[in-house]
Each structure stands twice: as structure tokens, then as C-alpha cells.
Amino acid sequence: MIIRVLGEGQFELDEAGLDALNQLDDAVVAAVDSGDEAGYGTALRELLVAVRSQGHPVADDFLGPSDALLPSEDVTLGELRDLLGEEGLIPG
């Protein structure tokens, strides 16, 4: 799975870690749904840290698509709400 983090680049992650990422994604969705200003930032940071630590940077010249798009940490609650799909930020 390839995940793009806006402003940073793409990371390739093993499908085996997808369940853990989805749990972190669920925490982001729950915080956004409840309007939790502090909670969404914490949950998003944890998700981004997991992607960075579990993933391997994709070469800059890679032109393939990303499977998921994550915002940078400075996204507002409203902007993040607009980005969320039915499955959250991470599909699966």
C-alpha cells in the first residue's frame, strides 16, 4: 500500500500493518465526528507517526498512484472533515 502524506511524500507500507493503521484511522474519524478539537490532532499525529515509522519512503521519481492520502499535521478540523470518506482516510 502506498500512502501519500501531503507536503512530505509517499510511503510504502506492508499490508500486514493495515489493521493497526485502520485502528488509528478510526480514532481520527471518531474525534472528527465528535468535534473534538484536541483529540483529532493527537489522533492524526499518531496515524502519521505510524505511517512514517512503518513505511519506507517511495522514490521521488515514482509516478504511480497512492492508495491513500493523508493531510499534514496542520490541517484544521473542518478541512479534515472534508477529506474523510466513508472508510476514513485509510481504505480497508
PDB file of N, CA and C in Angstrom:
ATOM      1  N   MET A   1       0.851  -1.163   0.000  1.00  0.00           N
ATOM      2  CA  MET A   1       0.000   0.000   0.000  1.00  0.00           C
ATOM      3  C   MET A   1       0.898   1.227   0.000  1.00  0.00           C
ATOM      4  N   ILE A   2       0.544   2.205  -0.820  1.00  0.00           N
ATOM      5  CA  ILE A   2       1.294   3.459  -0.868  1.00  0.00           C
ATOM      6  C   ILE A   2       0.407   4.575  -0.328  1.00  0.00           C
ATOM      7  N   ILE A   3       0.950   5.264   0.673  1.00  0.00           N
ATOM      8  CA  ILE A   3       0.224   6.354   1.312  1.00  0.00           C
ATOM      9  C   ILE A   3       0.998   7.643   1.100  1.00  0.00           C
ATOM     10  N   ARG A   4       0.309   8.655   0.583  1.00  0.00           N
ATOM     11  CA  ARG A   4       0.920   9.977   0.396  1.00  0.00           C
ATOM     12  C   ARG A   4       0.564  10.848   1.598  1.00  0.00           C
ATOM     13  N   VAL A   5       1.587  11.472   2.159  1.00  0.00           N
ATOM     14  CA  VAL A   5       1.400  12.464   3.209  1.00  0.00           C
ATOM     15  C   VAL A   5       1.682  13.810   2.561  1.00  0.00           C
ATOM     16  N   LEU A   6       0.685  14.665   2.528  1.00  0.00           N
ATOM     17  CA  LEU A   6       0.831  15.961   1.871  1.00  0.00           C
ATOM     18  C   LEU A   6       2.011  16.737   2.448  1.00  0.00           C
ATOM     19  N   GLY A   7       2.827  17.254   1.571  1.00  0.00           N
ATOM     20  CA  GLY A   7       3.977  18.037   1.979  1.00  0.00           C
ATOM     21  C   GLY A   7       5.197  17.222   2.345  1.00  0.00           C
ATOM     22  N   GLU A   8       5.074  15.886   2.352  1.00  0.00           N
ATOM     23  CA  GLU A   8       6.200  15.031   2.737  1.00  0.00           C
ATOM     24  C   GLU A   8       6.593  14.039   1.662  1.00  0.00           C
ATOM     25  N   GLY A   9       5.631  13.453   0.996  1.00  0.00           N
ATOM     26  CA  GLY A   9       5.928  12.432   0.004  1.00  0.00           C
ATOM     27  C   GLY A   9       5.119  11.171   0.252  1.00  0.00           C
ATOM     28  N   GLN A  10       5.559  10.099  -0.391  1.00  0.00           N
ATOM     29  CA  GLN A  10       4.837   8.834  -0.319  1.00  0.00           C
ATOM     30  C   GLN A  10       5.623   7.809   0.489  1.00  0.00           C
ATOM     31  N   PHE A  11       4.867   6.912   1.136  1.00  0.00           N
ATOM     32  CA  PHE A  11       5.449   5.840   1.926  1.00  0.00           C
ATOM     33  C   PHE A  11       4.805   4.530   1.507  1.00  0.00           C
ATOM     34  N   GLU A  12       5.631   3.510   1.333  1.00  0.00           N
ATOM     35  CA  GLU A  12       5.111   2.180   1.015  1.00  0.00           C
ATOM     36  C   GLU A  12       5.041   1.377   2.301  1.00  0.00           C
ATOM     37  N   LEU A  13       3.866   0.815   2.553  1.00  0.00           N
ATOM     38  CA  LEU A  13       3.649   0.058   3.777  1.00  0.00           C
ATOM     39  C   LEU A  13       3.202  -1.355   3.443  1.00  0.00           C
ATOM     40  N   ASP A  14       3.590  -2.270   4.295  1.00  0.00           N
ATOM     41  CA  ASP A  14       3.206  -3.664   4.161  1.00  0.00           C
ATOM     42  C   ASP A  14       1.735  -3.805   4.541  1.00  0.00           C
ATOM     43  N   GLU A  15       1.002  -4.590   3.793  1.00  0.00           N
ATOM     44  CA  GLU A  15      -0.426  -4.817   4.072  1.00  0.00           C
ATOM     45  C   GLU A  15      -0.645  -5.425   5.461  1.00  0.00           C
ATOM     46  N   ALA A  16       0.371  -6.084   6.006  1.00  0.00           N
ATOM     47  CA  ALA A  16       0.229  -6.723   7.316  1.00  0.00           C
ATOM     48  C   ALA A  16      -0.050  -5.703   8.426  1.00  0.00           C
ATOM     49  N   GLY A  17       0.404  -4.480   8.254  1.00  0.00           N
ATOM     50  CA  GLY A  17       0.187  -3.466   9.269  1.00  0.00           C
ATOM     51  C   GLY A  17      -1.087  -2.667   9.075  1.00  0.00           C
ATOM     52  N   LEU A  18      -1.899  -3.074   8.108  1.00  0.00           N
ATOM     53  CA  LEU A  18      -3.096  -2.318   7.770  1.00  0.00           C
ATOM     54  C   LEU A  18      -4.117  -2.271   8.913  1.00  0.00           C
ATOM     55  N   ASP A  19      -4.260  -3.351   9.659  1.00  0.00           N
ATOM     56  CA  ASP A  19      -5.222  -3.364  10.772  1.00  0.00           C
ATOM     57  C   ASP A  19      -4.875  -2.304  11.818  1.00  0.00           C
ATOM     58  N   ALA A  20      -3.597  -2.194  12.146  1.00  0.00           N
ATOM     59  CA  ALA A  20      -3.169  -1.195  13.134  1.00  0.00           C
ATOM     60  C   ALA A  20      -3.410   0.212  12.613  1.00  0.00           C
ATOM     61  N   LEU A  21      -3.127   0.436  11.324  1.00  0.00           N
ATOM     62  CA  LEU A  21      -3.375   1.752  10.740  1.00  0.00           C
ATOM     63  C   LEU A  21      -4.863   2.079  10.741  1.00  0.00           C
ATOM     64  N   ASN A  22      -5.693   1.089  10.459  1.00  0.00           N
ATOM     65  CA  ASN A  22      -7.132   1.321  10.458  1.00  0.00           C
ATOM     66  C   ASN A  22      -7.655   1.651  11.852  1.00  0.00           C
ATOM     67  N   GLN A  23      -7.067   1.086  12.880  1.00  0.00           N
ATOM     68  CA  GLN A  23      -7.470   1.436  14.246  1.00  0.00           C
ATOM     69  C   GLN A  23      -7.135   2.895  14.547  1.00  0.00           C
ATOM     70  N   LEU A  24      -5.948   3.332  14.104  1.00  0.00           N
ATOM     71  CA  LEU A  24      -5.568   4.726  14.289  1.00  0.00           C
ATOM     72  C   LEU A  24      -6.470   5.640  13.462  1.00  0.00           C
ATOM     73  N   ASP A  25      -6.794   5.203  12.261  1.00  0.00           N
ATOM     74  CA  ASP A  25      -7.703   5.953  11.390  1.00  0.00           C
ATOM     75  C   ASP A  25      -9.082   6.079  12.039  1.00  0.00           C
ATOM     76  N   ASP A  26      -9.553   5.006  12.660  1.00  0.00           N
ATOM     77  CA  ASP A  26     -10.849   5.037  13.346  1.00  0.00           C
ATOM     78  C   ASP A  26     -10.852   6.079  14.469  1.00  0.00           C
ATOM     79  N   ALA A  27      -9.721   6.219  15.152  1.00  0.00           N
ATOM     80  CA  ALA A  27      -9.613   7.215  16.217  1.00  0.00           C
ATOM     81  C   ALA A  27      -9.699   8.634  15.642  1.00  0.00           C
ATOM     82  N   VAL A  28      -9.107   8.842  14.460  1.00  0.00           N
ATOM     83  CA  VAL A  28      -9.200  10.146  13.792  1.00  0.00           C
ATOM     84  C   VAL A  28     -10.659  10.428  13.449  1.00  0.00           C
ATOM     85  N   VAL A  29     -11.321   9.461  12.840  1.00  0.00           N
ATOM     86  CA  VAL A  29     -12.723   9.624  12.442  1.00  0.00           C
ATOM     87  C   VAL A  29     -13.607   9.918  13.655  1.00  0.00           C
ATOM     88  N   ALA A  30     -13.409   9.183  14.737  1.00  0.00           N
ATOM     89  CA  ALA A  30     -14.218   9.390  15.944  1.00  0.00           C
ATOM     90  C   ALA A  30     -14.024  10.802  16.503  1.00  0.00           C
ATOM     91  N   ALA A  31     -12.786  11.271  16.517  1.00  0.00           N
ATOM     92  CA  ALA A  31     -12.514  12.611  17.032  1.00  0.00           C
ATOM     93  C   ALA A  31     -13.144  13.683  16.141  1.00  0.00           C
ATOM     94  N   VAL A  32     -13.055  13.490  14.830  1.00  0.00           N
ATOM     95  CA  VAL A  32     -13.649  14.458  13.901  1.00  0.00           C
ATOM     96  C   VAL A  32     -15.168  14.445  14.034  1.00  0.00           C
ATOM     97  N   ASP A  33     -15.755  13.242  14.088  1.00  0.00           N
ATOM     98  CA  ASP A  33     -17.209  13.123  14.196  1.00  0.00           C
ATOM     99  C   ASP A  33     -17.753  13.783  15.457  1.00  0.00           C
ATOM    100  N   SER A  34     -16.969  13.729  16.528  1.00  0.00           N
ATOM    101  CA  SER A  34     -17.433  14.321  17.786  1.00  0.00           C
ATOM    102  C   SER A  34     -17.047  15.787  17.921  1.00  0.00           C
ATOM    103  N   GLY A  35     -16.288  16.307  16.947  1.00  0.00           N
ATOM    104  CA  GLY A  35     -15.872  17.706  17.011  1.00  0.00           C
ATOM    105  C   GLY A  35     -14.793  17.961  18.041  1.00  0.00           C
ATOM    106  N   ASP A  36     -14.050  16.937  18.390  1.00  0.00           N
ATOM    107  CA  ASP A  36     -13.006  17.012  19.420  1.00  0.00           C
ATOM    108  C   ASP A  36     -11.762  17.693  18.845  1.00  0.00           C
ATOM    109  N   GLU A  37     -11.624  18.992  19.090  1.00  0.00           N
ATOM    110  CA  GLU A  37     -10.517  19.785  18.544  1.00  0.00           C
ATOM    111  C   GLU A  37      -9.153  19.242  18.968  1.00  0.00           C
ATOM    112  N   ALA A  38      -8.977  18.928  20.218  1.00  0.00           N
ATOM    113  CA  ALA A  38      -7.687  18.428  20.694  1.00  0.00           C
ATOM    114  C   ALA A  38      -7.474  16.980  20.264  1.00  0.00           C
ATOM    115  N   GLY A  39      -8.523  16.209  20.315  1.00  0.00           N
ATOM    116  CA  GLY A  39      -8.416  14.783  20.021  1.00  0.00           C
ATOM    117  C   GLY A  39      -8.076  14.470  18.581  1.00  0.00           C
ATOM    118  N   TYR A  40      -8.611  15.251  17.632  1.00  0.00           N
ATOM    119  CA  TYR A  40      -8.320  14.937  16.231  1.00  0.00           C
ATOM    120  C   TYR A  40      -6.850  15.175  15.924  1.00  0.00           C
ATOM    121  N   GLY A  41      -6.261  16.210  16.518  1.00  0.00           N
ATOM    122  CA  GLY A  41      -4.844  16.494  16.286  1.00  0.00           C
ATOM    123  C   GLY A  41      -3.950  15.400  16.826  1.00  0.00           C
ATOM    124  N   THR A  42      -4.271  14.930  18.017  1.00  0.00           N
ATOM    125  CA  THR A  42      -3.496  13.852  18.619  1.00  0.00           C
ATOM    126  C   THR A  42      -3.639  12.571  17.803  1.00  0.00           C
ATOM    127  N   ALA A  43      -4.869  12.240  17.424  1.00  0.00           N
ATOM    128  CA  ALA A  43      -5.109  11.017  16.659  1.00  0.00           C
ATOM    129  C   ALA A  43      -4.431  11.073  15.287  1.00  0.00           C
ATOM    130  N   LEU A  44      -4.486  12.217  14.638  1.00  0.00           N
ATOM    131  CA  LEU A  44      -3.848  12.359  13.325  1.00  0.00           C
ATOM    132  C   LEU A  44      -2.335  12.248  13.454  1.00  0.00           C
ATOM    133  N   ARG A  45      -1.759  12.880  14.474  1.00  0.00           N
ATOM    134  CA  ARG A  45      -0.303  12.773  14.687  1.00  0.00           C
ATOM    135  C   ARG A  45       0.103  11.323  14.888  1.00  0.00           C
ATOM    136  N   GLU A  46      -0.663  10.564  15.666  1.00  0.00           N
ATOM    137  CA  GLU A  46      -0.346   9.155  15.889  1.00  0.00           C
ATOM    138  C   GLU A  46      -0.413   8.359  14.593  1.00  0.00           C
ATOM    139  N   LEU A  47      -1.389   8.650  13.753  1.00  0.00           N
ATOM    140  CA  LEU A  47      -1.505   7.982  12.460  1.00  0.00           C
ATOM    141  C   LEU A  47      -0.315   8.321  11.570  1.00  0.00           C
ATOM    142  N   LEU A  48       0.061   9.589  11.521  1.00  0.00           N
ATOM    143  CA  LEU A  48       1.198  10.000  10.699  1.00  0.00           C
ATOM    144  C   LEU A  48       2.505   9.398  11.202  1.00  0.00           C
ATOM    145  N   VAL A  49       2.688   9.330  12.502  1.00  0.00           N
ATOM    146  CA  VAL A  49       3.898   8.710  13.067  1.00  0.00           C
ATOM    147  C   VAL A  49       3.960   7.237  12.670  1.00  0.00           C
ATOM    148  N   ALA A  50       2.832   6.548  12.714  1.00  0.00           N
ATOM    149  CA  ALA A  50       2.797   5.130  12.340  1.00  0.00           C
ATOM    150  C   ALA A  50       3.148   4.946  10.871  1.00  0.00           C
ATOM    151  N   VAL A  51       2.611   5.794  10.016  1.00  0.00           N
ATOM    152  CA  VAL A  51       2.910   5.691   8.579  1.00  0.00           C
ATOM    153  C   VAL A  51       4.396   5.929   8.347  1.00  0.00           C
ATOM    154  N   ARG A  52       4.950   6.949   8.975  1.00  0.00           N
ATOM    155  CA  ARG A  52       6.376   7.263   8.792  1.00  0.00           C
ATOM    156  C   ARG A  52       7.275   6.159   9.337  1.00  0.00           C
ATOM    157  N   SER A  53       6.904   5.589  10.484  1.00  0.00           N
ATOM    158  CA  SER A  53       7.779   4.587  11.106  1.00  0.00           C
ATOM    159  C   SER A  53       7.636   3.202  10.486  1.00  0.00           C
ATOM    160  N   GLN A  54       6.452   2.854  10.030  1.00  0.00           N
ATOM    161  CA  GLN A  54       6.239   1.533   9.434  1.00  0.00           C
ATOM    162  C   GLN A  54       6.497   1.515   7.932  1.00  0.00           C
ATOM    163  N   GLY A  55       6.469   2.689   7.316  1.00  0.00           N
ATOM    164  CA  GLY A  55       6.610   2.763   5.871  1.00  0.00           C
ATOM    165  C   GLY A  55       8.030   3.047   5.435  1.00  0.00           C
ATOM    166  N   HIS A  56       8.250   2.804   4.160  1.00  0.00           N
ATOM    167  CA  HIS A  56       9.530   3.103   3.527  1.00  0.00           C
ATOM    168  C   HIS A  56       9.274   4.184   2.485  1.00  0.00           C
ATOM    169  N   PRO A  57      10.067   5.255   2.506  1.00  0.00           N
ATOM    170  CA  PRO A  57       9.851   6.324   1.521  1.00  0.00           C
ATOM    171  C   PRO A  57       9.917   5.784   0.090  1.00  0.00           C
ATOM    172  N   VAL A  58       8.992   6.245  -0.726  1.00  0.00           N
ATOM    173  CA  VAL A  58       8.958   5.885  -2.136  1.00  0.00           C
ATOM    174  C   VAL A  58       9.872   6.860  -2.880  1.00  0.00           C
ATOM    175  N   ALA A  59      10.572   6.374  -3.891  1.00  0.00           N
ATOM    176  CA  ALA A  59      11.480   7.219  -4.668  1.00  0.00           C
ATOM    177  C   ALA A  59      10.745   8.427  -5.234  1.00  0.00           C
ATOM    178  N   ASP A  60      11.427   9.550  -5.266  1.00  0.00           N
ATOM    179  CA  ASP A  60      10.829  10.793  -5.758  1.00  0.00           C
ATOM    180  C   ASP A  60      10.359  10.693  -7.201  1.00  0.00           C
ATOM    181  N   ASP A  61      10.975   9.824  -7.988  1.00  0.00           N
ATOM    182  CA  ASP A  61      10.608   9.719  -9.398  1.00  0.00           C
ATOM    183  C   ASP A  61       9.497   8.696  -9.651  1.00  0.00           C
ATOM    184  N   PHE A  62       8.939   8.111  -8.592  1.00  0.00           N
ATOM    185  CA  PHE A  62       7.830   7.161  -8.733  1.00  0.00           C
ATOM    186  C   PHE A  62       6.585   7.919  -9.181  1.00  0.00           C
ATOM    187  N   LEU A  63       5.948   7.431 -10.242  1.00  0.00           N
ATOM    188  CA  LEU A  63       4.790   8.130 -10.802  1.00  0.00           C
ATOM    189  C   LEU A  63       3.477   7.382 -10.603  1.00  0.00           C
ATOM    190  N   GLY A  64       3.474   6.318  -9.843  1.00  0.00           N
ATOM    191  CA  GLY A  64       2.254   5.550  -9.622  1.00  0.00           C
ATOM    192  C   GLY A  64       1.313   6.236  -8.649  1.00  0.00           C
ATOM    193  N   PRO A  65       0.098   5.728  -8.579  1.00  0.00           N
ATOM    194  CA  PRO A  65      -0.904   6.333  -7.695  1.00  0.00           C
ATOM    195  C   PRO A  65      -0.692   5.964  -6.231  1.00  0.00           C
ATOM    196  N   SER A  66      -1.268   6.769  -5.383  1.00  0.00           N
ATOM    197  CA  SER A  66      -1.291   6.480  -3.949  1.00  0.00           C
ATOM    198  C   SER A  66      -2.608   5.788  -3.627  1.00  0.00           C
ATOM    199  N   ASP A  67      -2.572   4.879  -2.663  1.00  0.00           N
ATOM    200  CA  ASP A  67      -3.790   4.200  -2.221  1.00  0.00           C
ATOM    201  C   ASP A  67      -4.558   5.033  -1.209  1.00  0.00           C
ATOM    202  N   ALA A  68      -3.846   5.940  -0.543  1.00  0.00           N
ATOM    203  CA  ALA A  68      -4.478   6.800   0.462  1.00  0.00           C
ATOM    204  C   ALA A  68      -3.727   8.118   0.510  1.00  0.00           C
ATOM    205  N   LEU A  69      -4.442   9.149   0.912  1.00  0.00           N
ATOM    206  CA  LEU A  69      -3.877  10.487   1.025  1.00  0.00           C
ATOM    207  C   LEU A  69      -4.121  10.982   2.449  1.00  0.00           C
ATOM    208  N   LEU A  70      -3.038  11.350   3.123  1.00  0.00           N
ATOM    209  CA  LEU A  70      -3.153  11.887   4.476  1.00  0.00           C
ATOM    210  C   LEU A  70      -2.749  13.352   4.465  1.00  0.00           C
ATOM    211  N   PRO A  71      -3.465  14.174   5.210  1.00  0.00           N
ATOM    212  CA  PRO A  71      -3.102  15.587   5.293  1.00  0.00           C
ATOM    213  C   PRO A  71      -1.880  15.781   6.180  1.00  0.00           C
ATOM    214  N   SER A  72      -1.320  16.960   6.131  1.00  0.00           N
ATOM    215  CA  SER A  72      -0.237  17.299   7.045  1.00  0.00           C
ATOM    216  C   SER A  72      -0.829  17.553   8.432  1.00  0.00           C
ATOM    217  N   GLU A  73       0.026  17.636   9.414  1.00  0.00           N
ATOM    218  CA  GLU A  73      -0.433  17.796  10.800  1.00  0.00           C
ATOM    219  C   GLU A  73      -1.134  19.115  11.060  1.00  0.00           C
ATOM    220  N   ASP A  74      -0.931  20.094  10.200  1.00  0.00           N
ATOM    221  CA  ASP A  74      -1.517  21.418  10.454  1.00  0.00           C
ATOM    222  C   ASP A  74      -2.915  21.590   9.862  1.00  0.00           C
ATOM    223  N   VAL A  75      -3.532  20.506   9.423  1.00  0.00           N
ATOM    224  CA  VAL A  75      -4.883  20.573   8.864  1.00  0.00           C
ATOM    225  C   VAL A  75      -5.890  20.952   9.965  1.00  0.00           C
ATOM    226  N   THR A  76      -6.869  21.747   9.606  1.00  0.00           N
ATOM    227  CA  THR A  76      -7.895  22.124  10.581  1.00  0.00           C
ATOM    228  C   THR A  76      -8.940  21.009  10.675  1.00  0.00           C
ATOM    229  N   LEU A  77      -9.733  21.065  11.714  1.00  0.00           N
ATOM    230  CA  LEU A  77     -10.788  20.075  11.896  1.00  0.00           C
ATOM    231  C   LEU A  77     -11.757  20.101  10.713  1.00  0.00           C
ATOM    232  N   GLY A  78     -12.137  21.282  10.261  1.00  0.00           N
ATOM    233  CA  GLY A  78     -13.052  21.405   9.128  1.00  0.00           C
ATOM    234  C   GLY A  78     -12.461  20.839   7.841  1.00  0.00           C
ATOM    235  N   GLU A  79     -11.184  21.131   7.590  1.00  0.00           N
ATOM    236  CA  GLU A  79     -10.522  20.599   6.396  1.00  0.00           C
ATOM    237  C   GLU A  79     -10.442  19.078   6.458  1.00  0.00           C
ATOM    238  N   LEU A  80     -10.134  18.562   7.630  1.00  0.00           N
ATOM    239  CA  LEU A  80     -10.035  17.116   7.795  1.00  0.00           C
ATOM    240  C   LEU A  80     -11.400  16.463   7.603  1.00  0.00           C
ATOM    241  N   ARG A  81     -12.438  17.088   8.105  1.00  0.00           N
ATOM    242  CA  ARG A  81     -13.797  16.566   7.927  1.00  0.00           C
ATOM    243  C   ARG A  81     -14.122  16.440   6.441  1.00  0.00           C
ATOM    244  N   ASP A  82     -13.691  17.424   5.639  1.00  0.00           N
ATOM    245  CA  ASP A  82     -13.934  17.395   4.194  1.00  0.00           C
ATOM    246  C   ASP A  82     -13.158  16.285   3.488  1.00  0.00           C
ATOM    247  N   LEU A  83     -12.016  15.883   4.046  1.00  0.00           N
ATOM    248  CA  LEU A  83     -11.190  14.842   3.428  1.00  0.00           C
ATOM    249  C   LEU A  83     -11.668  13.425   3.734  1.00  0.00           C
ATOM    250  N   LEU A  84     -12.386  13.278   4.824  1.00  0.00           N
ATOM    251  CA  LEU A  84     -12.801  11.935   5.245  1.00  0.00           C
ATOM    252  C   LEU A  84     -13.802  11.342   4.282  1.00  0.00           C
ATOM    253  N   GLY A  85     -13.548  10.109   3.878  1.00  0.00           N
ATOM    254  CA  GLY A  85     -14.508   9.378   3.068  1.00  0.00           C
ATOM    255  C   GLY A  85     -15.297   8.448   3.957  1.00  0.00           C
ATOM    256  N   GLU A  86     -16.066   7.577   3.335  1.00  0.00           N
ATOM    257  CA  GLU A  86     -16.867   6.613   4.105  1.00  0.00           C
ATOM    258  C   GLU A  86     -15.987   5.650   4.881  1.00  0.00           C
ATOM    259  N   GLU A  87     -14.758   5.403   4.401  1.00  0.00           N
ATOM    260  CA  GLU A  87     -13.851   4.471   5.074  1.00  0.00           C
ATOM    261  C   GLU A  87     -12.814   5.193   5.923  1.00  0.00           C
ATOM    262  N   GLY A  88     -12.943   6.486   6.097  1.00  0.00           N
ATOM    263  CA  GLY A  88     -11.925   7.241   6.805  1.00  0.00           C
ATOM    264  C   GLY A  88     -10.846   7.678   5.840  1.00  0.00           C
ATOM    265  N   LEU A  89      -9.633   7.827   6.331  1.00  0.00           N
ATOM    266  CA  LEU A  89      -8.517   8.245   5.482  1.00  0.00           C
ATOM    267  C   LEU A  89      -7.818   7.060   4.825  1.00  0.00           C
ATOM    268  N   ILE A  90      -7.807   5.922   5.518  1.00  0.00           N
ATOM    269  CA  ILE A  90      -7.133   4.710   5.024  1.00  0.00           C
ATOM    270  C   ILE A  90      -8.194   3.722   4.571  1.00  0.00           C
ATOM    271  N   PRO A  91      -8.186   3.330   3.313  1.00  0.00           N
ATOM    272  CA  PRO A  91      -9.180   2.343   2.856  1.00  0.00           C
ATOM    273  C   PRO A  91      -8.890   0.956   3.418  1.00  0.00           C
ATOM    274  N   GLY A  92      -9.950   0.221   3.648  1.00  0.00           N
ATOM    275  CA  GLY A  92      -9.755  -1.168   4.086  1.00  0.00           C
ATOM    276  C   GLY A  92     -10.351  -1.479   5.404  1.00  0.00           C
TER     277      GLY A  92
END
